[in-house]
Amino acid sequence: AQTRVEDALAIAAVFQALVASLILRHDGGELLPVHDEHRIAENTWRATRYGVRGWMVDLDSGEPQTARDRIVRMLDEIEPCADALGSSMGLLTARALVADNGAERQRYVEAADGVHGLVRWTATETVRSANDVLSLRA
């Protein structure tokens, strides 16, 4: 779960652009691949366990690739759809999350301040972010 509203919005923008990209490809007559469920399950486990610091299996070739490289390539592929949808800023934030994301920040805080410090930090960070977004609407 993301601690900052802008990070959650970035993830929503990625999904929106990804779906739009797949729709365009399908509507353009491209036969979309159906991948091996075993590879998808393995990548899901790896993403959950290691996040962007880990690696994934390429769904087509089975070759290993770093999670960061795969995510950046996907963001490059869906960028035109994000631009068309007005979600460019969300994709820009998503690119920043590849380098520094909520999970990485939470691990750092927990290592430095323990689990109680992490809970305090998470609450503070979430409220601050929500207030920042609300102040932009005022």
Protein backbone atom coordinates (compact mmCIF):
# COMPACT_ATOMS: atom_id res chain seq x y z
CA ALA A 1 0.00 0.00 0.00
CA GLN A 2 1.20 3.47 -0.79
CA THR A 3 1.63 6.00 1.98
CA ARG A 4 1.35 9.03 -0.29
CA VAL A 5 -1.71 10.00 -2.28
CA GLU A 6 0.40 11.08 -5.25
CA ASP A 7 2.00 7.63 -5.36
CA ALA A 8 -1.40 5.92 -5.35
CA LEU A 9 -2.53 8.27 -8.14
CA ALA A 10 0.59 7.38 -10.12
CA ILE A 11 -0.19 3.67 -9.89
CA ALA A 12 -3.76 4.36 -11.02
CA ALA A 13 -2.39 6.35 -13.99
CA VAL A 14 -0.16 3.41 -14.95
CA PHE A 15 -3.09 1.00 -14.90
CA GLN A 16 -5.26 3.40 -16.85
CA ALA A 17 -2.62 3.87 -19.56
CA LEU A 18 -1.82 0.14 -19.64
CA VAL A 19 -5.47 -0.79 -20.20
CA ALA A 20 -5.83 1.91 -22.86
CA SER A 21 -2.69 0.63 -24.59
CA LEU A 22 -3.97 -2.95 -24.60
CA ILE A 23 -7.33 -1.80 -25.98
CA LEU A 24 -5.62 0.12 -28.79
CA ARG A 25 -3.48 -2.89 -29.67
CA HIS A 26 -6.50 -5.20 -29.66
CA ASP A 27 -8.68 -2.80 -31.64
CA GLY A 28 -5.80 -2.41 -34.10
CA GLY A 29 -6.02 -6.11 -34.89
CA GLU A 30 -3.04 -7.26 -32.86
CA LEU A 31 -3.42 -10.69 -31.34
CA LEU A 32 -2.47 -10.18 -27.70
CA PRO A 33 -0.36 -12.96 -26.20
CA VAL A 34 -1.65 -15.34 -23.57
CA HIS A 35 1.21 -16.10 -21.20
CA ASP A 36 2.05 -19.11 -19.08
CA GLU A 37 0.27 -18.83 -15.73
CA HIS A 38 3.30 -20.33 -13.99
CA ARG A 39 5.52 -17.44 -15.13
CA ILE A 40 2.90 -14.89 -14.11
CA ALA A 41 2.59 -16.48 -10.66
CA GLU A 42 6.38 -16.54 -10.29
CA ASN A 43 6.63 -12.85 -11.20
CA THR A 44 3.83 -12.00 -8.78
CA TRP A 45 5.67 -13.78 -5.98
CA ARG A 46 8.97 -12.11 -6.89
CA ALA A 47 7.36 -8.67 -7.02
CA THR A 48 5.74 -9.21 -3.64
CA ARG A 49 8.94 -10.52 -2.07
CA TYR A 50 11.61 -8.31 -3.66
CA GLY A 51 9.80 -5.32 -5.16
CA VAL A 52 11.73 -3.28 -7.70
CA ARG A 53 15.05 -4.49 -6.25
CA GLY A 54 14.47 -7.99 -7.62
CA TRP A 55 14.16 -9.57 -11.00
CA MET A 56 11.39 -11.11 -13.04
CA VAL A 57 11.04 -13.71 -15.74
CA ASP A 58 10.29 -12.38 -19.22
CA LEU A 59 6.85 -13.76 -20.00
CA ASP A 60 7.75 -14.51 -23.61
CA SER A 61 11.31 -15.82 -23.39
CA GLY A 62 11.57 -16.97 -19.78
CA GLU A 63 14.84 -15.04 -19.46
CA PRO A 64 15.53 -13.15 -16.23
CA GLN A 65 15.37 -9.36 -16.25
CA THR A 66 15.58 -6.82 -13.48
CA ALA A 67 12.21 -5.60 -12.25
CA ARG A 68 13.32 -1.99 -12.65
CA ASP A 69 14.28 -2.53 -16.32
CA ARG A 70 10.99 -4.27 -17.08
CA ILE A 71 8.92 -1.58 -15.40
CA VAL A 72 10.76 1.23 -17.21
CA ARG A 73 10.22 -0.51 -20.57
CA MET A 74 6.52 -0.89 -19.81
CA LEU A 75 6.26 2.79 -18.84
CA ASP A 76 7.95 3.73 -22.12
CA GLU A 77 5.47 1.57 -24.04
CA ILE A 78 2.37 3.08 -22.42
CA GLU A 79 3.57 6.69 -22.35
CA PRO A 80 1.69 7.72 -25.52
CA CYS A 81 -1.57 6.51 -23.99
CA ALA A 82 -0.84 8.34 -20.74
CA ASP A 83 -0.22 11.53 -22.75
CA ALA A 84 -3.52 11.08 -24.60
CA LEU A 85 -5.36 10.50 -21.31
CA GLY A 86 -3.77 13.50 -19.59
CA SER A 87 -1.92 11.24 -17.16
CA SER A 88 1.65 12.26 -17.99
CA MET A 89 2.35 13.58 -14.50
CA GLY A 90 1.18 10.30 -13.01
CA LEU A 91 3.59 8.40 -15.24
CA LEU A 92 6.38 10.78 -14.25
CA THR A 93 5.67 10.02 -10.59
CA ALA A 94 5.58 6.29 -11.41
CA ARG A 95 9.05 6.60 -12.94
CA ALA A 96 10.27 8.19 -9.71
CA LEU A 97 8.73 5.30 -7.76
CA VAL A 98 10.92 2.86 -9.66
CA ALA A 99 13.92 4.51 -8.00
CA ASP A 100 12.42 5.38 -4.61
CA ASN A 101 9.08 4.01 -3.54
CA GLY A 102 6.97 3.61 -0.44
CA ALA A 103 8.20 0.08 0.29
CA GLU A 104 11.84 1.21 0.19
CA ARG A 105 11.08 4.18 2.45
CA GLN A 106 9.17 1.97 4.89
CA ARG A 107 12.05 -0.53 5.12
CA TYR A 108 14.44 2.31 5.86
CA VAL A 109 12.24 3.84 8.56
CA GLU A 110 11.60 0.45 10.20
CA ALA A 111 15.33 -0.33 10.28
CA ALA A 112 16.09 3.06 11.83
CA ASP A 113 13.12 3.51 14.18
CA GLY A 114 11.58 0.06 14.68
CA VAL A 115 8.02 -0.99 14.00
CA HIS A 116 6.48 1.65 16.31
CA GLY A 117 8.45 4.36 14.52
CA LEU A 118 7.27 2.96 11.20
CA VAL A 119 3.61 3.11 12.27
CA ARG A 120 4.07 6.71 13.44
CA TRP A 121 5.87 7.66 10.22
CA THR A 122 3.27 5.97 8.02
CA ALA A 123 0.41 7.82 9.71
CA THR A 124 2.23 11.15 9.53
CA GLU A 125 3.23 10.64 5.89
CA THR A 126 -0.28 9.64 4.83
CA VAL A 127 -1.95 12.59 6.57
CA ARG A 128 0.64 15.04 5.21
CA SER A 129 0.16 13.75 1.69
CA ALA A 130 -3.63 13.88 1.93
CA ASN A 131 -3.46 17.45 3.26
CA ASP A 132 -1.13 18.43 0.41
CA VAL A 133 -3.59 17.10 -2.16
CA LEU A 134 -6.56 18.73 -0.42
CA SER A 135 -4.78 22.09 -0.27
CA LEU A 136 -4.31 21.98 -4.04
CA ARG A 137 -8.08 21.67 -4.46
CA ALA A 138 -8.85 24.62 -2.18
